[in-house]
PDB file of N, CA and C in Angstrom:
ATOM      1  N   MET A   1      61.224 -12.276 -46.335  1.00  0.00           N
ATOM      2  CA  MET A   1      60.736 -11.435 -46.065  1.00  0.00           C
ATOM      3  C   MET A   1      61.107  -9.988 -46.576  1.00  0.00           C
ATOM      4  N   THR A   2      60.470  -9.002 -47.083  1.00  0.00           N
ATOM      5  CA  THR A   2      60.898  -7.899 -47.351  1.00  0.00           C
ATOM      6  C   THR A   2      61.372  -7.101 -45.803  1.00  0.00           C
ATOM      7  N   LYS A   3      61.998  -6.026 -46.249  1.00  0.00           N
ATOM      8  CA  LYS A   3      62.709  -5.203 -44.975  1.00  0.00           C
ATOM      9  C   LYS A   3      61.421  -4.553 -44.374  1.00  0.00           C
ATOM     10  N   ASN A   4      60.658  -3.953 -45.385  1.00  0.00           N
ATOM     11  CA  ASN A   4      59.192  -2.974 -45.006  1.00  0.00           C
ATOM     12  C   ASN A   4      58.376  -4.121 -44.010  1.00  0.00           C
ATOM     13  N   LYS A   5      58.128  -5.266 -44.588  1.00  0.00           N
ATOM     14  CA  LYS A   5      57.524  -5.883 -43.837  1.00  0.00           C
ATOM     15  C   LYS A   5      58.010  -6.542 -42.355  1.00  0.00           C
ATOM     16  N   LEU A   6      59.319  -6.499 -42.252  1.00  0.00           N
ATOM     17  CA  LEU A   6      60.198  -6.466 -41.117  1.00  0.00           C
ATOM     18  C   LEU A   6      59.863  -5.530 -40.080  1.00  0.00           C
ATOM     19  N   LYS A   7      60.231  -4.135 -40.680  1.00  0.00           N
ATOM     20  CA  LYS A   7      59.986  -3.129 -40.138  1.00  0.00           C
ATOM     21  C   LYS A   7      58.601  -3.000 -39.500  1.00  0.00           C
ATOM     22  N   GLY A   8      57.550  -3.422 -40.018  1.00  0.00           N
ATOM     23  CA  GLY A   8      56.335  -3.288 -39.718  1.00  0.00           C
ATOM     24  C   GLY A   8      55.579  -4.691 -38.886  1.00  0.00           C
ATOM     25  N   LEU A   9      56.631  -5.543 -38.453  1.00  0.00           N
ATOM     26  CA  LEU A   9      56.836  -6.162 -37.467  1.00  0.00           C
ATOM     27  C   LEU A   9      57.302  -5.816 -36.487  1.00  0.00           C
ATOM     28  N   VAL A  10      58.358  -5.215 -36.362  1.00  0.00           N
ATOM     29  CA  VAL A  10      58.883  -4.423 -35.401  1.00  0.00           C
ATOM     30  C   VAL A  10      57.911  -3.563 -34.935  1.00  0.00           C
ATOM     31  N   ALA A  11      57.291  -2.684 -35.451  1.00  0.00           N
ATOM     32  CA  ALA A  11      56.302  -1.754 -34.869  1.00  0.00           C
ATOM     33  C   ALA A  11      55.374  -2.689 -34.079  1.00  0.00           C
ATOM     34  N   LEU A  12      54.633  -3.686 -34.611  1.00  0.00           N
ATOM     35  CA  LEU A  12      53.797  -4.305 -34.133  1.00  0.00           C
ATOM     36  C   LEU A  12      54.002  -4.779 -32.856  1.00  0.00           C
ATOM     37  N   GLY A  13      55.176  -5.598 -32.691  1.00  0.00           N
ATOM     38  CA  GLY A  13      55.538  -6.081 -31.731  1.00  0.00           C
ATOM     39  C   GLY A  13      56.044  -4.595 -30.581  1.00  0.00           C
ATOM     40  N   SER A  14      56.256  -3.745 -30.800  1.00  0.00           N
ATOM     41  CA  SER A  14      56.550  -2.393 -30.091  1.00  0.00           C
ATOM     42  C   SER A  14      55.382  -2.596 -29.429  1.00  0.00           C
ATOM     43  N   VAL A  15      54.395  -2.429 -30.191  1.00  0.00           N
ATOM     44  CA  VAL A  15      52.933  -1.870 -29.802  1.00  0.00           C
ATOM     45  C   VAL A  15      52.496  -2.846 -28.658  1.00  0.00           C
ATOM     46  N   ILE A  16      52.432  -4.259 -29.223  1.00  0.00           N
ATOM     47  CA  ILE A  16      51.962  -5.442 -28.122  1.00  0.00           C
ATOM     48  C   ILE A  16      52.731  -5.100 -26.964  1.00  0.00           C
ATOM     49  N   THR A  17      54.169  -5.023 -27.040  1.00  0.00           N
ATOM     50  CA  THR A  17      55.000  -4.865 -25.927  1.00  0.00           C
ATOM     51  C   THR A  17      54.637  -3.568 -24.739  1.00  0.00           C
ATOM     52  N   LEU A  18      54.222  -2.441 -25.643  1.00  0.00           N
ATOM     53  CA  LEU A  18      53.961  -1.251 -24.936  1.00  0.00           C
ATOM     54  C   LEU A  18      52.481  -1.989 -23.942  1.00  0.00           C
ATOM     55  N   ILE A  19      51.615  -2.127 -24.967  1.00  0.00           N
ATOM     56  CA  ILE A  19      50.349  -2.552 -24.068  1.00  0.00           C
ATOM     57  C   ILE A  19      50.479  -3.553 -22.808  1.00  0.00           C
ATOM     58  N   GLY A  20      51.484  -4.668 -23.043  1.00  0.00           N
ATOM     59  CA  GLY A  20      51.541  -5.408 -22.282  1.00  0.00           C
ATOM     60  C   GLY A  20      52.135  -4.734 -20.773  1.00  0.00           C
ATOM     61  N   PHE A  21      53.149  -4.073 -21.177  1.00  0.00           N
ATOM     62  CA  PHE A  21      53.930  -3.176 -20.081  1.00  0.00           C
ATOM     63  C   PHE A  21      52.832  -2.504 -19.263  1.00  0.00           C
ATOM     64  N   ILE A  22      52.269  -1.762 -20.058  1.00  0.00           N
ATOM     65  CA  ILE A  22      51.166  -0.977 -19.085  1.00  0.00           C
ATOM     66  C   ILE A  22      49.951  -1.714 -18.584  1.00  0.00           C
ATOM     67  N   LEU A  23      49.738  -2.851 -19.036  1.00  0.00           N
ATOM     68  CA  LEU A  23      48.615  -3.748 -18.394  1.00  0.00           C
ATOM     69  C   LEU A  23      49.352  -4.557 -17.250  1.00  0.00           C
ATOM     70  N   LEU A  24      50.802  -4.686 -17.484  1.00  0.00           N
ATOM     71  CA  LEU A  24      51.594  -4.997 -16.156  1.00  0.00           C
ATOM     72  C   LEU A  24      51.402  -4.431 -15.097  1.00  0.00           C
ATOM     73  N   PHE A  25      52.002  -2.926 -15.125  1.00  0.00           N
ATOM     74  CA  PHE A  25      52.171  -2.049 -14.047  1.00  0.00           C
ATOM     75  C   PHE A  25      51.227  -1.228 -13.519  1.00  0.00           C
ATOM     76  N   PHE A  26      50.063  -1.355 -14.328  1.00  0.00           N
ATOM     77  CA  PHE A  26      48.669  -0.660 -13.992  1.00  0.00           C
ATOM     78  C   PHE A  26      47.452  -1.479 -13.947  1.00  0.00           C
ATOM     79  N   SER A  27      47.931  -3.010 -13.395  1.00  0.00           N
ATOM     80  CA  SER A  27      46.857  -3.982 -13.252  1.00  0.00           C
ATOM     81  C   SER A  27      46.226  -3.583 -11.930  1.00  0.00           C
ATOM     82  N   VAL A  28      47.116  -3.049 -10.924  1.00  0.00           N
ATOM     83  CA  VAL A  28      46.098  -2.813  -9.950  1.00  0.00           C
ATOM     84  C   VAL A  28      45.173  -1.913  -9.910  1.00  0.00           C
ATOM     85  N   ASN A  29      45.547  -0.897 -10.479  1.00  0.00           N
ATOM     86  CA  ASN A  29      44.469   0.369 -10.615  1.00  0.00           C
ATOM     87  C   ASN A  29      43.392   0.136 -11.458  1.00  0.00           C
ATOM     88  N   ILE A  30      43.514  -0.738 -12.720  1.00  0.00           N
ATOM     89  CA  ILE A  30      42.516  -1.098 -13.451  1.00  0.00           C
ATOM     90  C   ILE A  30      41.718  -2.000 -12.609  1.00  0.00           C
ATOM     91  N   GLY A  31      42.197  -2.882 -12.113  1.00  0.00           N
ATOM     92  CA  GLY A  31      41.248  -3.963 -11.190  1.00  0.00           C
ATOM     93  C   GLY A  31      40.628  -3.183 -10.238  1.00  0.00           C
ATOM     94  N   LEU A  32      41.002  -2.193  -9.763  1.00  0.00           N
ATOM     95  CA  LEU A  32      40.502  -1.446  -8.521  1.00  0.00           C
ATOM     96  C   LEU A  32      39.456  -0.671  -8.979  1.00  0.00           C
ATOM     97  N   SER A  33      39.790  -0.308 -10.063  1.00  0.00           N
ATOM     98  CA  SER A  33      38.287   0.841 -10.340  1.00  0.00           C
ATOM     99  C   SER A  33      37.199  -0.024 -11.180  1.00  0.00           C
ATOM    100  N   LEU A  34      37.833  -1.109 -11.628  1.00  0.00           N
ATOM    101  CA  LEU A  34      36.875  -2.088 -12.256  1.00  0.00           C
ATOM    102  C   LEU A  34      35.965  -2.492 -11.255  1.00  0.00           C
ATOM    103  N   ALA A  35      36.573  -2.767 -10.058  1.00  0.00           N
ATOM    104  CA  ALA A  35      35.883  -3.551  -8.741  1.00  0.00           C
ATOM    105  C   ALA A  35      34.921  -2.557  -8.257  1.00  0.00           C
ATOM    106  N   GLU A  36      35.343  -1.475  -8.558  1.00  0.00           N
ATOM    107  CA  GLU A  36      34.574   0.084  -7.717  1.00  0.00           C
ATOM    108  C   GLU A  36      33.115   0.131  -8.509  1.00  0.00           C
ATOM    109  N   ASP A  37      33.696  -0.190 -10.114  1.00  0.00           N
ATOM    110  CA  ASP A  37      32.115  -0.033 -10.783  1.00  0.00           C
ATOM    111  C   ASP A  37      31.291  -0.898 -10.286  1.00  0.00           C
ATOM    112  N   ARG A  38      31.791  -2.182 -10.192  1.00  0.00           N
ATOM    113  CA  ARG A  38      31.009  -3.355  -9.875  1.00  0.00           C
ATOM    114  C   ARG A  38      30.265  -3.295  -8.690  1.00  0.00           C
ATOM    115  N   ILE A  39      30.842  -2.538  -7.888  1.00  0.00           N
ATOM    116  CA  ILE A  39      30.190  -2.376  -6.435  1.00  0.00           C
ATOM    117  C   ILE A  39      28.863  -1.503  -6.476  1.00  0.00           C
ATOM    118  N   ILE A  40      29.141  -0.339  -7.319  1.00  0.00           N
ATOM    119  CA  ILE A  40      28.195   0.871  -7.694  1.00  0.00           C
ATOM    120  C   ILE A  40      27.282   0.196  -8.557  1.00  0.00           C
ATOM    121  N   LYS A  41      27.263  -0.531  -9.587  1.00  0.00           N
ATOM    122  CA  LYS A  41      26.300  -1.342 -10.134  1.00  0.00           C
ATOM    123  C   LYS A  41      25.698  -2.706  -9.452  1.00  0.00           C
ATOM    124  N   GLN A  42      26.088  -3.193  -8.554  1.00  0.00           N
ATOM    125  CA  GLN A  42      25.503  -3.989  -7.461  1.00  0.00           C
ATOM    126  C   GLN A  42      24.794  -3.147  -6.312  1.00  0.00           C
ATOM    127  N   GLY A  43      24.936  -1.916  -6.091  1.00  0.00           N
ATOM    128  CA  GLY A  43      24.549  -1.242  -5.056  1.00  0.00           C
ATOM    129  C   GLY A  43      24.852  -1.637  -3.594  1.00  0.00           C
ATOM    130  N   GLY A  44      26.414  -2.416  -3.545  1.00  0.00           N
ATOM    131  CA  GLY A  44      26.881  -2.772  -2.527  1.00  0.00           C
ATOM    132  C   GLY A  44      27.429  -4.038  -2.318  1.00  0.00           C
ATOM    133  N   MET A  45      28.220  -4.407  -1.800  1.00  0.00           N
ATOM    134  CA  MET A  45      29.200  -5.876  -1.740  1.00  0.00           C
ATOM    135  C   MET A  45      29.831  -6.089  -0.079  1.00  0.00           C
ATOM    136  N   ASP A  46      29.988  -7.137   0.150  1.00  0.00           N
ATOM    137  CA  ASP A  46      30.498  -7.302   1.458  1.00  0.00           C
ATOM    138  C   ASP A  46      31.982  -7.344   1.062  1.00  0.00           C
ATOM    139  N   THR A  47      32.817  -6.973   2.487  1.00  0.00           N
ATOM    140  CA  THR A  47      34.122  -6.578   2.272  1.00  0.00           C
ATOM    141  C   THR A  47      35.104  -7.507   1.648  1.00  0.00           C
ATOM    142  N   SER A  48      35.031  -9.058   2.392  1.00  0.00           N
ATOM    143  CA  SER A  48      35.627  -9.866   1.808  1.00  0.00           C
ATOM    144  C   SER A  48      35.504 -10.460   0.164  1.00  0.00           C
ATOM    145  N   ALA A  49      34.137 -10.138  -0.233  1.00  0.00           N
ATOM    146  CA  ALA A  49      33.716 -10.310  -1.660  1.00  0.00           C
ATOM    147  C   ALA A  49      34.164  -9.253  -2.358  1.00  0.00           C
ATOM    148  N   TYR A  50      34.611  -8.185  -1.628  1.00  0.00           N
ATOM    149  CA  TYR A  50      34.758  -6.801  -2.811  1.00  0.00           C
ATOM    150  C   TYR A  50      36.880  -7.218  -2.991  1.00  0.00           C
ATOM    151  N   LEU A  51      37.282  -7.856  -1.701  1.00  0.00           N
ATOM    152  CA  LEU A  51      38.634  -8.064  -1.974  1.00  0.00           C
ATOM    153  C   LEU A  51      38.920  -9.081  -2.836  1.00  0.00           C
ATOM    154  N   ILE A  52      37.865 -10.358  -3.040  1.00  0.00           N
ATOM    155  CA  ILE A  52      38.224 -11.230  -4.045  1.00  0.00           C
ATOM    156  C   ILE A  52      38.115 -11.012  -5.762  1.00  0.00           C
ATOM    157  N   VAL A  53      37.142 -10.100  -5.708  1.00  0.00           N
ATOM    158  CA  VAL A  53      36.745  -9.325  -6.987  1.00  0.00           C
ATOM    159  C   VAL A  53      38.001  -8.564  -7.116  1.00  0.00           C
ATOM    160  N   ILE A  54      38.458  -7.367  -6.520  1.00  0.00           N
ATOM    161  CA  ILE A  54      39.550  -6.923  -6.991  1.00  0.00           C
ATOM    162  C   ILE A  54      41.038  -7.763  -7.029  1.00  0.00           C
ATOM    163  N   GLU A  55      41.330  -9.052  -6.344  1.00  0.00           N
ATOM    164  CA  GLU A  55      42.350  -9.815  -6.749  1.00  0.00           C
ATOM    165  C   GLU A  55      41.868 -10.311  -7.988  1.00  0.00           C
ATOM    166  N   GLY A  56      40.629 -10.956  -8.376  1.00  0.00           N
ATOM    167  CA  GLY A  56      40.407 -11.253  -9.677  1.00  0.00           C
ATOM    168  C   GLY A  56      40.413 -10.421 -10.724  1.00  0.00           C
ATOM    169  N   TYR A  57      40.292  -9.219 -10.821  1.00  0.00           N
ATOM    170  CA  TYR A  57      40.450  -8.145 -11.911  1.00  0.00           C
ATOM    171  C   TYR A  57      41.900  -7.738 -12.055  1.00  0.00           C
ATOM    172  N   THR A  58      42.472  -7.870 -10.948  1.00  0.00           N
ATOM    173  CA  THR A  58      43.838  -7.676 -10.793  1.00  0.00           C
ATOM    174  C   THR A  58      44.730  -8.599 -11.355  1.00  0.00           C
ATOM    175  N   ASN A  59      44.472  -9.944 -11.261  1.00  0.00           N
ATOM    176  CA  ASN A  59      44.959 -11.210 -11.637  1.00  0.00           C
ATOM    177  C   ASN A  59      45.229 -11.319 -13.553  1.00  0.00           C
ATOM    178  N   ASN A  60      43.816 -10.958 -13.341  1.00  0.00           N
ATOM    179  CA  ASN A  60      43.443 -11.013 -14.924  1.00  0.00           C
ATOM    180  C   ASN A  60      44.092  -9.837 -15.813  1.00  0.00           C
ATOM    181  N   PHE A  61      44.199  -8.763 -15.455  1.00  0.00           N
ATOM    182  CA  PHE A  61      45.271  -8.095 -16.233  1.00  0.00           C
ATOM    183  C   PHE A  61      46.498  -8.534 -15.884  1.00  0.00           C
ATOM    184  N   LEU A  62      47.113  -8.819 -14.946  1.00  0.00           N
ATOM    185  CA  LEU A  62      48.663  -9.071 -14.710  1.00  0.00           C
ATOM    186  C   LEU A  62      48.924 -10.372 -15.886  1.00  0.00           C
ATOM    187  N   ALA A  63      47.890 -11.139 -15.920  1.00  0.00           N
ATOM    188  CA  ALA A  63      48.381 -12.504 -16.927  1.00  0.00           C
ATOM    189  C   ALA A  63      48.010 -12.064 -18.154  1.00  0.00           C
ATOM    190  N   ALA A  64      47.507 -10.962 -18.754  1.00  0.00           N
ATOM    191  CA  ALA A  64      46.982 -10.717 -20.026  1.00  0.00           C
ATOM    192  C   ALA A  64      48.376  -9.910 -20.255  1.00  0.00           C
ATOM    193  N   GLY A  65      48.688  -9.152 -19.357  1.00  0.00           N
ATOM    194  CA  GLY A  65      49.773  -8.073 -19.425  1.00  0.00           C
ATOM    195  C   GLY A  65      51.515  -8.840 -19.784  1.00  0.00           C
ATOM    196  N   SER A  66      51.085  -9.953 -18.921  1.00  0.00           N
ATOM    197  CA  SER A  66      52.492 -10.950 -18.886  1.00  0.00           C
ATOM    198  C   SER A  66      52.649 -11.125 -20.498  1.00  0.00           C
ATOM    199  N   ILE A  67      51.380 -12.098 -21.226  1.00  0.00           N
ATOM    200  CA  ILE A  67      51.171 -12.611 -22.226  1.00  0.00           C
ATOM    201  C   ILE A  67      51.443 -11.697 -23.255  1.00  0.00           C
ATOM    202  N   LEU A  68      51.003 -10.830 -23.240  1.00  0.00           N
ATOM    203  CA  LEU A  68      51.232  -9.691 -24.503  1.00  0.00           C
ATOM    204  C   LEU A  68      52.683  -9.051 -24.434  1.00  0.00           C
ATOM    205  N   PHE A  69      53.553  -8.626 -23.169  1.00  0.00           N
ATOM    206  CA  PHE A  69      54.741  -8.509 -23.173  1.00  0.00           C
ATOM    207  C   PHE A  69      55.415  -9.494 -23.429  1.00  0.00           C
ATOM    208  N   GLY A  70      55.180 -10.879 -23.121  1.00  0.00           N
ATOM    209  CA  GLY A  70      56.047 -11.496 -23.579  1.00  0.00           C
ATOM    210  C   GLY A  70      56.222 -11.813 -25.158  1.00  0.00           C
ATOM    211  N   ILE A  71      54.848 -11.910 -25.762  1.00  0.00           N
ATOM    212  CA  ILE A  71      54.866 -12.108 -27.459  1.00  0.00           C
ATOM    213  C   ILE A  71      55.483 -10.675 -27.722  1.00  0.00           C
ATOM    214  N   GLY A  72      55.320  -9.615 -27.695  1.00  0.00           N
ATOM    215  CA  GLY A  72      55.999  -8.609 -27.888  1.00  0.00           C
ATOM    216  C   GLY A  72      57.336  -8.483 -28.068  1.00  0.00           C
ATOM    217  N   ILE A  73      58.080  -8.901 -27.045  1.00  0.00           N
ATOM    218  CA  ILE A  73      59.300  -9.076 -26.941  1.00  0.00           C
ATOM    219  C   ILE A  73      59.976 -10.243 -27.813  1.00  0.00           C
ATOM    220  N   SER A  74      59.129 -11.312 -27.921  1.00  0.00           N
ATOM    221  CA  SER A  74      59.581 -12.314 -28.617  1.00  0.00           C
ATOM    222  C   SER A  74      59.483 -11.838 -30.221  1.00  0.00           C
ATOM    223  N   THR A  75      58.595 -10.991 -30.480  1.00  0.00           N
ATOM    224  CA  THR A  75      58.256 -10.656 -31.964  1.00  0.00           C
ATOM    225  C   THR A  75      59.507  -9.848 -32.532  1.00  0.00           C
ATOM    226  N   ILE A  76      59.805  -9.109 -31.344  1.00  0.00           N
ATOM    227  CA  ILE A  76      60.903  -8.291 -31.438  1.00  0.00           C
ATOM    228  C   ILE A  76      62.501  -8.501 -31.789  1.00  0.00           C
ATOM    229  N   ILE A  77      62.462  -9.696 -30.785  1.00  0.00           N
ATOM    230  CA  ILE A  77      63.808 -10.516 -30.820  1.00  0.00           C
ATOM    231  C   ILE A  77      63.906 -11.079 -32.238  1.00  0.00           C
ATOM    232  N   PHE A  78      63.058 -11.707 -32.561  1.00  0.00           N
ATOM    233  CA  PHE A  78      62.653 -12.810 -33.864  1.00  0.00           C
ATOM    234  C   PHE A  78      62.896 -11.448 -35.087  1.00  0.00           C
ATOM    235  N   THR A  79      62.356 -10.378 -34.974  1.00  0.00           N
ATOM    236  CA  THR A  79      62.397  -9.983 -36.146  1.00  0.00           C
ATOM    237  C   THR A  79      63.554  -9.104 -36.610  1.00  0.00           C
ATOM    238  N   TYR A  80      64.410  -8.800 -35.045  1.00  0.00           N
ATOM    239  CA  TYR A  80      65.730  -8.151 -35.132  1.00  0.00           C
ATOM    240  C   TYR A  80      66.766  -9.443 -35.806  1.00  0.00           C
ATOM    241  N   TYR A  81      66.676 -10.577 -34.916  1.00  0.00           N
ATOM    242  CA  TYR A  81      67.380 -11.732 -35.885  1.00  0.00           C
ATOM    243  C   TYR A  81      67.384 -11.896 -37.129  1.00  0.00           C
ATOM    244  N   LYS A  82      65.840 -11.792 -37.675  1.00  0.00           N
ATOM    245  CA  LYS A  82      65.447 -11.582 -39.225  1.00  0.00           C
ATOM    246  C   LYS A  82      66.039 -10.669 -40.180  1.00  0.00           C
ATOM    247  N   ILE A  83      66.214  -9.438 -39.504  1.00  0.00           N
ATOM    248  CA  ILE A  83      66.900  -8.369 -40.325  1.00  0.00           C
ATOM    249  C   ILE A  83      68.262  -8.449 -40.316  1.00  0.00           C
ATOM    250  N   LEU A  84      68.711  -9.324 -39.441  1.00  0.00           N
ATOM    251  CA  LEU A  84      70.394  -9.176 -39.077  1.00  0.00           C
ATOM    252  C   LEU A  84      70.760 -10.027 -40.344  1.00  0.00           C
ATOM    253  N   ILE A  85      69.846 -11.245 -40.422  1.00  0.00           N
ATOM    254  CA  ILE A  85      70.560 -12.219 -41.844  1.00  0.00           C
ATOM    255  C   ILE A  85      69.970 -11.826 -42.797  1.00  0.00           C
ATOM    256  N   ASN A  86      68.999 -10.922 -43.181  1.00  0.00           N
ATOM    257  CA  ASN A  86      68.899 -10.324 -44.042  1.00  0.00           C
ATOM    258  C   ASN A  86      69.932  -9.115 -44.683  1.00  0.00           C
ATOM    259  N   LYS A  87      70.653  -8.560 -43.928  1.00  0.00           N
ATOM    260  CA  LYS A  87      71.828  -7.932 -44.393  1.00  0.00           C
ATOM    261  C   LYS A  87      72.926  -8.480 -44.862  1.00  0.00           C
TER     262      LYS A  87
END
């Protein structure tokens, strides 16, 4: 791989890691706002159902953030290793 492609891969890994980090740490806020939007669209909801919806949305963003963060970190480490080998 050329050095420019490796730099591009580091940039891509950094963006994916940043998105995963944001999803990890703001999953509760995002889940809460999506659950509130769902209540507004439905016109009301039982409290227990509301809590289940919040937990579901939060878990979805937590899982997605974890996956993206892991892929991003793995990409950065692999690319850094390849850069060290090419030097």
